[in-house]
Amino acid sequence: MKPSALLPADRPDVCLLAPPAANVAHGIVSQAVLTAPGLRVTLFRFAAGQELSEHTSTARVLVQVLSGGCDFVAAGHTHALRAGHLLHLPPGVVHSVKATEELTMLLTQASNASA
């Protein structure tokens, strides 16, 4: 059985983030990197022009752009993110994202673990 995440939650391990999640011609692909109590790390790949509409998260969020670029709207302010940028979102902030070119980003969600 293939694991659902790239890294196991119960032991040290290493995974390769490049090449990123499978290439996608006209959509969005996501791959769980690590899922553990209070922590979730997901690798996203967006085709140029793809977007996620406004939403919120109950978790604290870090968005790290690995390649490409996007317009990331958080609390009504647009941030033009490029490779190397790191964005922080406190819980409950309304946000959306639109890939201005092919985009690969790592999303980390941290919350109080209810284990």
PDB file of N, CA and C in Angstrom:
ATOM      1  N   MET A   1       0.844  -1.182   0.000  1.00  0.00           N
ATOM      2  CA  MET A   1       0.000   0.000   0.000  1.00  0.00           C
ATOM      3  C   MET A   1       0.888   1.244   0.000  1.00  0.00           C
ATOM      4  N   LYS A   2       0.628   2.172  -0.890  1.00  0.00           N
ATOM      5  CA  LYS A   2       1.408   3.407  -1.015  1.00  0.00           C
ATOM      6  C   LYS A   2       1.005   4.376   0.090  1.00  0.00           C
ATOM      7  N   PRO A   3       1.997   4.971   0.794  1.00  0.00           N
ATOM      8  CA  PRO A   3       1.647   5.934   1.842  1.00  0.00           C
ATOM      9  C   PRO A   3       0.976   7.166   1.245  1.00  0.00           C
ATOM     10  N   SER A   4       0.099   7.812   2.034  1.00  0.00           N
ATOM     11  CA  SER A   4      -0.617   8.977   1.517  1.00  0.00           C
ATOM     12  C   SER A   4       0.230  10.243   1.585  1.00  0.00           C
ATOM     13  N   ALA A   5       1.261  10.264   2.427  1.00  0.00           N
ATOM     14  CA  ALA A   5       2.141  11.424   2.537  1.00  0.00           C
ATOM     15  C   ALA A   5       3.560  11.026   2.135  1.00  0.00           C
ATOM     16  N   LEU A   6       4.335  12.007   1.689  1.00  0.00           N
ATOM     17  CA  LEU A   6       5.707  11.738   1.275  1.00  0.00           C
ATOM     18  C   LEU A   6       6.612  11.390   2.453  1.00  0.00           C
ATOM     19  N   LEU A   7       6.299  11.923   3.647  1.00  0.00           N
ATOM     20  CA  LEU A   7       7.104  11.660   4.840  1.00  0.00           C
ATOM     21  C   LEU A   7       6.268  10.971   5.909  1.00  0.00           C
ATOM     22  N   PRO A   8       6.834  10.004   6.621  1.00  0.00           N
ATOM     23  CA  PRO A   8       6.109   9.382   7.726  1.00  0.00           C
ATOM     24  C   PRO A   8       6.107  10.310   8.937  1.00  0.00           C
ATOM     25  N   ALA A   9       5.051  10.264   9.724  1.00  0.00           N
ATOM     26  CA  ALA A   9       4.945  11.131  10.896  1.00  0.00           C
ATOM     27  C   ALA A   9       5.653  10.545  12.116  1.00  0.00           C
ATOM     28  N   ASP A  10       6.016   9.276  12.063  1.00  0.00           N
ATOM     29  CA  ASP A  10       6.528   8.603  13.258  1.00  0.00           C
ATOM     30  C   ASP A  10       8.036   8.366  13.281  1.00  0.00           C
ATOM     31  N   ARG A  11       8.769   8.859  12.267  1.00  0.00           N
ATOM     32  CA  ARG A  11      10.217   8.654  12.254  1.00  0.00           C
ATOM     33  C   ARG A  11      10.889   9.677  11.346  1.00  0.00           C
ATOM     34  N   PRO A  12      12.178   9.958  11.563  1.00  0.00           N
ATOM     35  CA  PRO A  12      12.892  10.863  10.674  1.00  0.00           C
ATOM     36  C   PRO A  12      12.973  10.286   9.265  1.00  0.00           C
ATOM     37  N   ASP A  13      12.892  11.136   8.272  1.00  0.00           N
ATOM     38  CA  ASP A  13      13.000  10.697   6.882  1.00  0.00           C
ATOM     39  C   ASP A  13      13.249  11.924   6.012  1.00  0.00           C
ATOM     40  N   VAL A  14      13.534  11.682   4.760  1.00  0.00           N
ATOM     41  CA  VAL A  14      13.821  12.738   3.791  1.00  0.00           C
ATOM     42  C   VAL A  14      12.976  12.492   2.551  1.00  0.00           C
ATOM     43  N   CYS A  15      12.499  13.562   1.930  1.00  0.00           N
ATOM     44  CA  CYS A  15      11.815  13.422   0.648  1.00  0.00           C
ATOM     45  C   CYS A  15      12.349  14.481  -0.295  1.00  0.00           C
ATOM     46  N   LEU A  16      12.159  14.269  -1.560  1.00  0.00           N
ATOM     47  CA  LEU A  16      12.596  15.192  -2.594  1.00  0.00           C
ATOM     48  C   LEU A  16      11.404  16.029  -3.041  1.00  0.00           C
ATOM     49  N   LEU A  17      11.515  17.345  -2.928  1.00  0.00           N
ATOM     50  CA  LEU A  17      10.434  18.234  -3.368  1.00  0.00           C
ATOM     51  C   LEU A  17      10.570  18.615  -4.830  1.00  0.00           C
ATOM     52  N   ALA A  18      11.727  18.315  -5.443  1.00  0.00           N
ATOM     53  CA  ALA A  18      11.926  18.582  -6.865  1.00  0.00           C
ATOM     54  C   ALA A  18      12.290  17.268  -7.525  1.00  0.00           C
ATOM     55  N   PRO A  19      11.656  16.794  -8.556  1.00  0.00           N
ATOM     56  CA  PRO A  19      10.551  17.505  -9.193  1.00  0.00           C
ATOM     57  C   PRO A  19       9.330  17.557  -8.288  1.00  0.00           C
ATOM     58  N   PRO A  20       8.575  18.661  -8.383  1.00  0.00           N
ATOM     59  CA  PRO A  20       7.397  18.822  -7.533  1.00  0.00           C
ATOM     60  C   PRO A  20       6.271  17.896  -7.960  1.00  0.00           C
ATOM     61  N   ALA A  21       5.136  18.074  -7.318  1.00  0.00           N
ATOM     62  CA  ALA A  21       3.944  17.301  -7.670  1.00  0.00           C
ATOM     63  C   ALA A  21       3.802  17.249  -9.183  1.00  0.00           C
ATOM     64  N   ALA A  22       3.216  16.198  -9.676  1.00  0.00           N
ATOM     65  CA  ALA A  22       3.112  15.965 -11.121  1.00  0.00           C
ATOM     66  C   ALA A  22       2.717  17.218 -11.888  1.00  0.00           C
ATOM     67  N   ASN A  23       3.321  17.391 -13.059  1.00  0.00           N
ATOM     68  CA  ASN A  23       2.959  18.524 -13.910  1.00  0.00           C
ATOM     69  C   ASN A  23       1.467  18.496 -14.199  1.00  0.00           C
ATOM     70  N   VAL A  24       0.891  19.655 -14.270  1.00  0.00           N
ATOM     71  CA  VAL A  24      -0.535  19.767 -14.523  1.00  0.00           C
ATOM     72  C   VAL A  24      -0.726  20.824 -15.613  1.00  0.00           C
ATOM     73  N   ALA A  25      -1.385  20.430 -16.679  1.00  0.00           N
ATOM     74  CA  ALA A  25      -1.542  21.329 -17.820  1.00  0.00           C
ATOM     75  C   ALA A  25      -2.589  22.419 -17.573  1.00  0.00           C
ATOM     76  N   HIS A  26      -3.706  22.066 -16.940  1.00  0.00           N
ATOM     77  CA  HIS A  26      -4.809  23.022 -16.806  1.00  0.00           C
ATOM     78  C   HIS A  26      -5.507  22.903 -15.469  1.00  0.00           C
ATOM     79  N   GLY A  27      -4.772  22.690 -14.395  1.00  0.00           N
ATOM     80  CA  GLY A  27      -5.438  22.527 -13.118  1.00  0.00           C
ATOM     81  C   GLY A  27      -4.510  22.739 -11.949  1.00  0.00           C
ATOM     82  N   ILE A  28      -4.887  22.114 -10.827  1.00  0.00           N
ATOM     83  CA  ILE A  28      -4.127  22.193  -9.587  1.00  0.00           C
ATOM     84  C   ILE A  28      -3.927  20.775  -9.073  1.00  0.00           C
ATOM     85  N   VAL A  29      -2.690  20.452  -8.695  1.00  0.00           N
ATOM     86  CA  VAL A  29      -2.368  19.145  -8.122  1.00  0.00           C
ATOM     87  C   VAL A  29      -1.789  19.374  -6.737  1.00  0.00           C
ATOM     88  N   SER A  30      -2.203  18.554  -5.776  1.00  0.00           N
ATOM     89  CA  SER A  30      -1.615  18.661  -4.444  1.00  0.00           C
ATOM     90  C   SER A  30      -1.124  17.295  -3.989  1.00  0.00           C
ATOM     91  N   GLN A  31      -0.083  17.310  -3.132  1.00  0.00           N
ATOM     92  CA  GLN A  31       0.488  16.080  -2.582  1.00  0.00           C
ATOM     93  C   GLN A  31       0.799  16.331  -1.112  1.00  0.00           C
ATOM     94  N   ALA A  32       0.261  15.483  -0.231  1.00  0.00           N
ATOM     95  CA  ALA A  32       0.587  15.589   1.189  1.00  0.00           C
ATOM     96  C   ALA A  32       2.062  15.261   1.382  1.00  0.00           C
ATOM     97  N   VAL A  33       2.777  16.121   2.071  1.00  0.00           N
ATOM     98  CA  VAL A  33       4.185  15.883   2.384  1.00  0.00           C
ATOM     99  C   VAL A  33       4.296  15.274   3.775  1.00  0.00           C
ATOM    100  N   LEU A  34       3.571  15.833   4.738  1.00  0.00           N
ATOM    101  CA  LEU A  34       3.598  15.343   6.112  1.00  0.00           C
ATOM    102  C   LEU A  34       2.271  15.651   6.774  1.00  0.00           C
ATOM    103  N   THR A  35       1.712  14.658   7.444  1.00  0.00           N
ATOM    104  CA  THR A  35       0.490  14.842   8.214  1.00  0.00           C
ATOM    105  C   THR A  35       0.738  14.274   9.605  1.00  0.00           C
ATOM    106  N   ALA A  36       0.642  15.135  10.613  1.00  0.00           N
ATOM    107  CA  ALA A  36       0.852  14.746  12.001  1.00  0.00           C
ATOM    108  C   ALA A  36      -0.080  15.584  12.860  1.00  0.00           C
ATOM    109  N   PRO A  37      -0.332  15.169  14.103  1.00  0.00           N
ATOM    110  CA  PRO A  37      -1.213  15.971  14.953  1.00  0.00           C
ATOM    111  C   PRO A  37      -0.733  17.423  15.028  1.00  0.00           C
ATOM    112  N   GLY A  38      -1.605  18.343  14.664  1.00  0.00           N
ATOM    113  CA  GLY A  38      -1.303  19.758  14.731  1.00  0.00           C
ATOM    114  C   GLY A  38      -0.463  20.306  13.592  1.00  0.00           C
ATOM    115  N   LEU A  39      -0.093  19.454  12.628  1.00  0.00           N
ATOM    116  CA  LEU A  39       0.771  19.894  11.531  1.00  0.00           C
ATOM    117  C   LEU A  39       0.397  19.191  10.232  1.00  0.00           C
ATOM    118  N   ARG A  40       0.305  19.986   9.183  1.00  0.00           N
ATOM    119  CA  ARG A  40       0.047  19.436   7.846  1.00  0.00           C
ATOM    120  C   ARG A  40       0.881  20.237   6.856  1.00  0.00           C
ATOM    121  N   VAL A  41       1.662  19.546   6.020  1.00  0.00           N
ATOM    122  CA  VAL A  41       2.481  20.175   4.996  1.00  0.00           C
ATOM    123  C   VAL A  41       2.046  19.598   3.652  1.00  0.00           C
ATOM    124  N   THR A  42       1.713  20.491   2.706  1.00  0.00           N
ATOM    125  CA  THR A  42       1.193  20.064   1.405  1.00  0.00           C
ATOM    126  C   THR A  42       1.935  20.790   0.295  1.00  0.00           C
ATOM    127  N   LEU A  43       2.309  20.047  -0.742  1.00  0.00           N
ATOM    128  CA  LEU A  43       2.949  20.601  -1.924  1.00  0.00           C
ATOM    129  C   LEU A  43       1.877  20.828  -2.983  1.00  0.00           C
ATOM    130  N   PHE A  44       1.808  22.048  -3.505  1.00  0.00           N
ATOM    131  CA  PHE A  44       0.829  22.386  -4.538  1.00  0.00           C
ATOM    132  C   PHE A  44       1.533  22.757  -5.824  1.00  0.00           C
ATOM    133  N   ARG A  45       0.929  22.371  -6.938  1.00  0.00           N
ATOM    134  CA  ARG A  45       1.385  22.769  -8.273  1.00  0.00           C
ATOM    135  C   ARG A  45       0.170  23.322  -9.013  1.00  0.00           C
ATOM    136  N   PHE A  46       0.254  24.581  -9.481  1.00  0.00           N
ATOM    137  CA  PHE A  46      -0.831  25.237 -10.206  1.00  0.00           C
ATOM    138  C   PHE A  46      -0.392  25.470 -11.645  1.00  0.00           C
ATOM    139  N   ALA A  47      -1.265  25.228 -12.592  1.00  0.00           N
ATOM    140  CA  ALA A  47      -1.042  25.681 -13.965  1.00  0.00           C
ATOM    141  C   ALA A  47      -1.255  27.197 -13.968  1.00  0.00           C
ATOM    142  N   ALA A  48      -0.608  27.888 -14.884  1.00  0.00           N
ATOM    143  CA  ALA A  48      -0.787  29.334 -15.005  1.00  0.00           C
ATOM    144  C   ALA A  48      -2.266  29.664 -15.162  1.00  0.00           C
ATOM    145  N   GLY A  49      -2.733  30.661 -14.418  1.00  0.00           N
ATOM    146  CA  GLY A  49      -4.123  31.098 -14.504  1.00  0.00           C
ATOM    147  C   GLY A  49      -5.065  30.392 -13.545  1.00  0.00           C
ATOM    148  N   GLN A  50      -4.630  29.310 -12.925  1.00  0.00           N
ATOM    149  CA  GLN A  50      -5.500  28.601 -11.984  1.00  0.00           C
ATOM    150  C   GLN A  50      -5.602  29.384 -10.679  1.00  0.00           C
ATOM    151  N   GLU A  51      -6.733  29.229  -9.998  1.00  0.00           N
ATOM    152  CA  GLU A  51      -6.921  29.968  -8.763  1.00  0.00           C
ATOM    153  C   GLU A  51      -7.751  29.208  -7.745  1.00  0.00           C
ATOM    154  N   LEU A  52      -7.542  29.569  -6.501  1.00  0.00           N
ATOM    155  CA  LEU A  52      -8.382  29.103  -5.395  1.00  0.00           C
ATOM    156  C   LEU A  52      -9.152  30.316  -4.914  1.00  0.00           C
ATOM    157  N   SER A  53     -10.471  30.198  -4.844  1.00  0.00           N
ATOM    158  CA  SER A  53     -11.308  31.323  -4.433  1.00  0.00           C
ATOM    159  C   SER A  53     -11.141  31.598  -2.932  1.00  0.00           C
ATOM    160  N   GLU A  54     -11.707  32.708  -2.493  1.00  0.00           N
ATOM    161  CA  GLU A  54     -11.591  33.121  -1.097  1.00  0.00           C
ATOM    162  C   GLU A  54     -12.028  32.021  -0.145  1.00  0.00           C
ATOM    163  N   HIS A  55     -11.214  31.839   0.899  1.00  0.00           N
ATOM    164  CA  HIS A  55     -11.515  30.870   1.945  1.00  0.00           C
ATOM    165  C   HIS A  55     -10.721  31.244   3.187  1.00  0.00           C
ATOM    166  N   THR A  56     -10.947  30.520   4.280  1.00  0.00           N
ATOM    167  CA  THR A  56     -10.202  30.738   5.519  1.00  0.00           C
ATOM    168  C   THR A  56      -9.693  29.396   6.017  1.00  0.00           C
ATOM    169  N   SER A  57      -8.818  29.456   7.000  1.00  0.00           N
ATOM    170  CA  SER A  57      -8.305  28.258   7.653  1.00  0.00           C
ATOM    171  C   SER A  57      -8.342  28.487   9.158  1.00  0.00           C
ATOM    172  N   THR A  58      -8.657  27.457   9.903  1.00  0.00           N
ATOM    173  CA  THR A  58      -8.610  27.558  11.367  1.00  0.00           C
ATOM    174  C   THR A  58      -7.179  27.400  11.864  1.00  0.00           C
ATOM    175  N   ALA A  59      -6.263  27.007  10.991  1.00  0.00           N
ATOM    176  CA  ALA A  59      -4.857  26.809  11.350  1.00  0.00           C
ATOM    177  C   ALA A  59      -4.035  28.049  11.025  1.00  0.00           C
ATOM    178  N   ARG A  60      -2.873  28.164  11.644  1.00  0.00           N
ATOM    179  CA  ARG A  60      -1.864  29.150  11.256  1.00  0.00           C
ATOM    180  C   ARG A  60      -1.224  28.604   9.984  1.00  0.00           C
ATOM    181  N   VAL A  61      -0.987  29.470   8.990  1.00  0.00           N
ATOM    182  CA  VAL A  61      -0.527  29.017   7.675  1.00  0.00           C
ATOM    183  C   VAL A  61       0.758  29.739   7.275  1.00  0.00           C
ATOM    184  N   LEU A  62       1.688  28.979   6.704  1.00  0.00           N
ATOM    185  CA  LEU A  62       2.861  29.517   6.028  1.00  0.00           C
ATOM    186  C   LEU A  62       2.808  29.052   4.586  1.00  0.00           C
ATOM    187  N   VAL A  63       2.985  29.975   3.655  1.00  0.00           N
ATOM    188  CA  VAL A  63       3.027  29.661   2.234  1.00  0.00           C
ATOM    189  C   VAL A  63       4.425  30.006   1.738  1.00  0.00           C
ATOM    190  N   GLN A  64       5.129  28.998   1.212  1.00  0.00           N
ATOM    191  CA  GLN A  64       6.473  29.208   0.676  1.00  0.00           C
ATOM    192  C   GLN A  64       6.432  28.935  -0.814  1.00  0.00           C
ATOM    193  N   VAL A  65       6.761  29.950  -1.625  1.00  0.00           N
ATOM    194  CA  VAL A  65       6.763  29.778  -3.073  1.00  0.00           C
ATOM    195  C   VAL A  65       8.101  29.167  -3.479  1.00  0.00           C
ATOM    196  N   LEU A  66       8.036  27.997  -4.113  1.00  0.00           N
ATOM    197  CA  LEU A  66       9.246  27.289  -4.544  1.00  0.00           C
ATOM    198  C   LEU A  66       9.644  27.663  -5.961  1.00  0.00           C
ATOM    199  N   SER A  67       8.645  27.850  -6.838  1.00  0.00           N
ATOM    200  CA  SER A  67       8.924  28.282  -8.208  1.00  0.00           C
ATOM    201  C   SER A  67       7.690  28.965  -8.771  1.00  0.00           C
ATOM    202  N   GLY A  68       7.920  29.831  -9.758  1.00  0.00           N
ATOM    203  CA  GLY A  68       6.815  30.531 -10.402  1.00  0.00           C
ATOM    204  C   GLY A  68       6.359  31.733  -9.599  1.00  0.00           C
ATOM    205  N   GLY A  69       5.105  32.115  -9.808  1.00  0.00           N
ATOM    206  CA  GLY A  69       4.581  33.286  -9.138  1.00  0.00           C
ATOM    207  C   GLY A  69       3.080  33.275  -9.031  1.00  0.00           C
ATOM    208  N   CYS A  70       2.563  34.102  -8.113  1.00  0.00           N
ATOM    209  CA  CYS A  70       1.115  34.179  -7.922  1.00  0.00           C
ATOM    210  C   CYS A  70       0.751  35.526  -7.324  1.00  0.00           C
ATOM    211  N   ASP A  71      -0.521  35.860  -7.443  1.00  0.00           N
ATOM    212  CA  ASP A  71      -1.114  36.972  -6.712  1.00  0.00           C
ATOM    213  C   ASP A  71      -1.870  36.345  -5.552  1.00  0.00           C
ATOM    214  N   PHE A  72      -1.432  36.644  -4.356  1.00  0.00           N
ATOM    215  CA  PHE A  72      -2.018  36.081  -3.141  1.00  0.00           C
ATOM    216  C   PHE A  72      -2.719  37.204  -2.411  1.00  0.00           C
ATOM    217  N   VAL A  73      -4.028  37.083  -2.265  1.00  0.00           N
ATOM    218  CA  VAL A  73      -4.808  38.111  -1.585  1.00  0.00           C
ATOM    219  C   VAL A  73      -5.078  37.633  -0.169  1.00  0.00           C
ATOM    220  N   ALA A  74      -4.673  38.454   0.812  1.00  0.00           N
ATOM    221  CA  ALA A  74      -4.891  38.142   2.230  1.00  0.00           C
ATOM    222  C   ALA A  74      -5.469  39.373   2.907  1.00  0.00           C
ATOM    223  N   ALA A  75      -6.632  39.199   3.514  1.00  0.00           N
ATOM    224  CA  ALA A  75      -7.308  40.297   4.216  1.00  0.00           C
ATOM    225  C   ALA A  75      -7.454  41.528   3.316  1.00  0.00           C
ATOM    226  N   GLY A  76      -7.745  41.293   2.038  1.00  0.00           N
ATOM    227  CA  GLY A  76      -7.992  42.382   1.100  1.00  0.00           C
ATOM    228  C   GLY A  76      -6.762  43.003   0.472  1.00  0.00           C
ATOM    229  N   HIS A  77      -5.574  42.563   0.836  1.00  0.00           N
ATOM    230  CA  HIS A  77      -4.328  43.096   0.273  1.00  0.00           C
ATOM    231  C   HIS A  77      -3.699  42.071  -0.662  1.00  0.00           C
ATOM    232  N   THR A  78      -3.323  42.505  -1.863  1.00  0.00           N
ATOM    233  CA  THR A  78      -2.704  41.608  -2.842  1.00  0.00           C
ATOM    234  C   THR A  78      -1.194  41.636  -2.690  1.00  0.00           C
ATOM    235  N   HIS A  79      -0.612  40.431  -2.616  1.00  0.00           N
ATOM    236  CA  HIS A  79       0.837  40.260  -2.526  1.00  0.00           C
ATOM    237  C   HIS A  79       1.287  39.511  -3.776  1.00  0.00           C
ATOM    238  N   ALA A  80       2.202  40.079  -4.542  1.00  0.00           N
ATOM    239  CA  ALA A  80       2.775  39.405  -5.716  1.00  0.00           C
ATOM    240  C   ALA A  80       3.923  38.540  -5.204  1.00  0.00           C
ATOM    241  N   LEU A  81       3.680  37.248  -5.086  1.00  0.00           N
ATOM    242  CA  LEU A  81       4.677  36.326  -4.539  1.00  0.00           C
ATOM    243  C   LEU A  81       5.463  35.651  -5.654  1.00  0.00           C
ATOM    244  N   ARG A  82       6.759  35.479  -5.426  1.00  0.00           N
ATOM    245  CA  ARG A  82       7.671  34.827  -6.370  1.00  0.00           C
ATOM    246  C   ARG A  82       8.485  33.796  -5.594  1.00  0.00           C
ATOM    247  N   ALA A  83       9.250  32.992  -6.306  1.00  0.00           N
ATOM    248  CA  ALA A  83      10.106  31.985  -5.681  1.00  0.00           C
ATOM    249  C   ALA A  83      10.961  32.633  -4.597  1.00  0.00           C
ATOM    250  N   GLY A  84      10.979  32.015  -3.435  1.00  0.00           N
ATOM    251  CA  GLY A  84      11.741  32.524  -2.309  1.00  0.00           C
ATOM    252  C   GLY A  84      10.912  33.291  -1.297  1.00  0.00           C
ATOM    253  N   HIS A  85       9.697  33.704  -1.658  1.00  0.00           N
ATOM    254  CA  HIS A  85       8.845  34.427  -0.722  1.00  0.00           C
ATOM    255  C   HIS A  85       8.180  33.461   0.265  1.00  0.00           C
ATOM    256  N   LEU A  86       7.999  33.946   1.488  1.00  0.00           N
ATOM    257  CA  LEU A  86       7.304  33.216   2.544  1.00  0.00           C
ATOM    258  C   LEU A  86       6.224  34.135   3.092  1.00  0.00           C
ATOM    259  N   LEU A  87       4.983  33.646   3.108  1.00  0.00           N
ATOM    260  CA  LEU A  87       3.832  34.422   3.578  1.00  0.00           C
ATOM    261  C   LEU A  87       3.258  33.754   4.819  1.00  0.00           C
ATOM    262  N   HIS A  88       2.940  34.555   5.839  1.00  0.00           N
ATOM    263  CA  HIS A  88       2.319  34.052   7.069  1.00  0.00           C
ATOM    264  C   HIS A  88       0.876  34.521   7.136  1.00  0.00           C
ATOM    265  N   LEU A  89      -0.024  33.612   7.509  1.00  0.00           N
ATOM    266  CA  LEU A  89      -1.431  33.940   7.722  1.00  0.00           C
ATOM    267  C   LEU A  89      -1.851  33.451   9.103  1.00  0.00           C
ATOM    268  N   PRO A  90      -2.282  34.347   9.978  1.00  0.00           N
ATOM    269  CA  PRO A  90      -2.859  33.893  11.245  1.00  0.00           C
ATOM    270  C   PRO A  90      -4.178  33.161  10.971  1.00  0.00           C
ATOM    271  N   PRO A  91      -4.661  32.369  11.909  1.00  0.00           N
ATOM    272  CA  PRO A  91      -5.938  31.669  11.713  1.00  0.00           C
ATOM    273  C   PRO A  91      -7.078  32.645  11.413  1.00  0.00           C
ATOM    274  N   GLY A  92      -7.980  32.225  10.531  1.00  0.00           N
ATOM    275  CA  GLY A  92      -9.189  32.989  10.242  1.00  0.00           C
ATOM    276  C   GLY A  92      -9.076  34.084   9.204  1.00  0.00           C
ATOM    277  N   VAL A  93      -7.890  34.304   8.625  1.00  0.00           N
ATOM    278  CA  VAL A  93      -7.728  35.361   7.619  1.00  0.00           C
ATOM    279  C   VAL A  93      -8.303  34.895   6.276  1.00  0.00           C
ATOM    280  N   VAL A  94      -9.162  35.711   5.686  1.00  0.00           N
ATOM    281  CA  VAL A  94      -9.726  35.415   4.372  1.00  0.00           C
ATOM    282  C   VAL A  94      -8.620  35.587   3.331  1.00  0.00           C
ATOM    283  N   HIS A  95      -8.467  34.585   2.467  1.00  0.00           N
ATOM    284  CA  HIS A  95      -7.405  34.647   1.458  1.00  0.00           C
ATOM    285  C   HIS A  95      -7.790  33.885   0.201  1.00  0.00           C
ATOM    286  N   SER A  96      -7.079  34.219  -0.898  1.00  0.00           N
ATOM    287  CA  SER A  96      -7.257  33.538  -2.180  1.00  0.00           C
ATOM    288  C   SER A  96      -5.920  33.591  -2.910  1.00  0.00           C
ATOM    289  N   VAL A  97      -5.786  32.761  -3.937  1.00  0.00           N
ATOM    290  CA  VAL A  97      -4.536  32.734  -4.695  1.00  0.00           C
ATOM    291  C   VAL A  97      -4.836  32.518  -6.170  1.00  0.00           C
ATOM    292  N   LYS A  98      -4.092  33.226  -7.038  1.00  0.00           N
ATOM    293  CA  LYS A  98      -4.185  33.037  -8.483  1.00  0.00           C
ATOM    294  C   LYS A  98      -2.772  32.933  -9.032  1.00  0.00           C
ATOM    295  N   ALA A  99      -2.479  31.836  -9.713  1.00  0.00           N
ATOM    296  CA  ALA A  99      -1.164  31.627 -10.317  1.00  0.00           C
ATOM    297  C   ALA A  99      -1.016  32.538 -11.527  1.00  0.00           C
ATOM    298  N   THR A 100      -0.030  33.424 -11.501  1.00  0.00           N
ATOM    299  CA  THR A 100       0.224  34.316 -12.637  1.00  0.00           C
ATOM    300  C   THR A 100       1.104  33.621 -13.671  1.00  0.00           C
ATOM    301  N   GLU A 101       1.706  32.511 -13.264  1.00  0.00           N
ATOM    302  CA  GLU A 101       2.491  31.628 -14.131  1.00  0.00           C
ATOM    303  C   GLU A 101       2.473  30.260 -13.454  1.00  0.00           C
ATOM    304  N   GLU A 102       3.061  29.269 -14.063  1.00  0.00           N
ATOM    305  CA  GLU A 102       3.113  27.961 -13.413  1.00  0.00           C
ATOM    306  C   GLU A 102       3.703  28.152 -12.019  1.00  0.00           C
ATOM    307  N   LEU A 103       3.064  27.579 -11.007  1.00  0.00           N
ATOM    308  CA  LEU A 103       3.402  27.847  -9.616  1.00  0.00           C
ATOM    309  C   LEU A 103       3.567  26.554  -8.838  1.00  0.00           C
ATOM    310  N   THR A 104       4.631  26.487  -8.023  1.00  0.00           N
ATOM    311  CA  THR A 104       4.801  25.410  -7.057  1.00  0.00           C
ATOM    312  C   THR A 104       4.989  26.065  -5.700  1.00  0.00           C
ATOM    313  N   MET A 105       4.164  25.660  -4.730  1.00  0.00           N
ATOM    314  CA  MET A 105       4.258  26.236  -3.396  1.00  0.00           C
ATOM    315  C   MET A 105       4.094  25.153  -2.339  1.00  0.00           C
ATOM    316  N   LEU A 106       4.719  25.403  -1.199  1.00  0.00           N
ATOM    317  CA  LEU A 106       4.627  24.512  -0.055  1.00  0.00           C
ATOM    318  C   LEU A 106       3.764  25.206   0.984  1.00  0.00           C
ATOM    319  N   LEU A 107       2.702  24.539   1.400  1.00  0.00           N
ATOM    320  CA  LEU A 107       1.755  25.096   2.377  1.00  0.00           C
ATOM    321  C   LEU A 107       1.923  24.336   3.690  1.00  0.00           C
ATOM    322  N   THR A 108       2.196  25.064   4.767  1.00  0.00           N
ATOM    323  CA  THR A 108       2.322  24.468   6.101  1.00  0.00           C
ATOM    324  C   THR A 108       1.197  25.009   6.965  1.00  0.00           C
ATOM    325  N   GLN A 109       0.429  24.092   7.578  1.00  0.00           N
ATOM    326  CA  GLN A 109      -0.659  24.462   8.456  1.00  0.00           C
ATOM    327  C   GLN A 109      -0.344  23.921   9.851  1.00  0.00           C
ATOM    328  N   ALA A 110      -0.349  24.810  10.843  1.00  0.00           N
ATOM    329  CA  ALA A 110      -0.074  24.426  12.222  1.00  0.00           C
ATOM    330  C   ALA A 110      -1.249  24.818  13.082  1.00  0.00           C
ATOM    331  N   SER A 111      -1.706  23.888  13.901  1.00  0.00           N
ATOM    332  CA  SER A 111      -2.833  24.153  14.786  1.00  0.00           C
ATOM    333  C   SER A 111      -2.583  23.451  16.112  1.00  0.00           C
ATOM    334  N   ASN A 112      -3.409  23.752  17.084  1.00  0.00           N
ATOM    335  CA  ASN A 112      -3.301  23.063  18.364  1.00  0.00           C
ATOM    336  C   ASN A 112      -3.674  21.605  18.152  1.00  0.00           C
ATOM    337  N   ALA A 113      -2.770  20.704  18.492  1.00  0.00           N
ATOM    338  CA  ALA A 113      -3.011  19.271  18.303  1.00  0.00           C
ATOM    339  C   ALA A 113      -4.009  18.780  19.341  1.00  0.00           C
ATOM    340  N   SER A 114      -5.032  18.104  18.852  1.00  0.00           N
ATOM    341  CA  SER A 114      -5.999  17.500  19.778  1.00  0.00           C
ATOM    342  C   SER A 114      -5.744  16.011  19.878  1.00  0.00           C
ATOM    343  N   ALA A 115      -4.594  15.591  19.293  1.00  0.00           N
ATOM    344  CA  ALA A 115      -4.126  14.195  19.294  1.00  0.00           C
ATOM    345  C   ALA A 115      -5.198  13.345  19.802  1.00  0.00           C
TER     346      ALA A 115
END
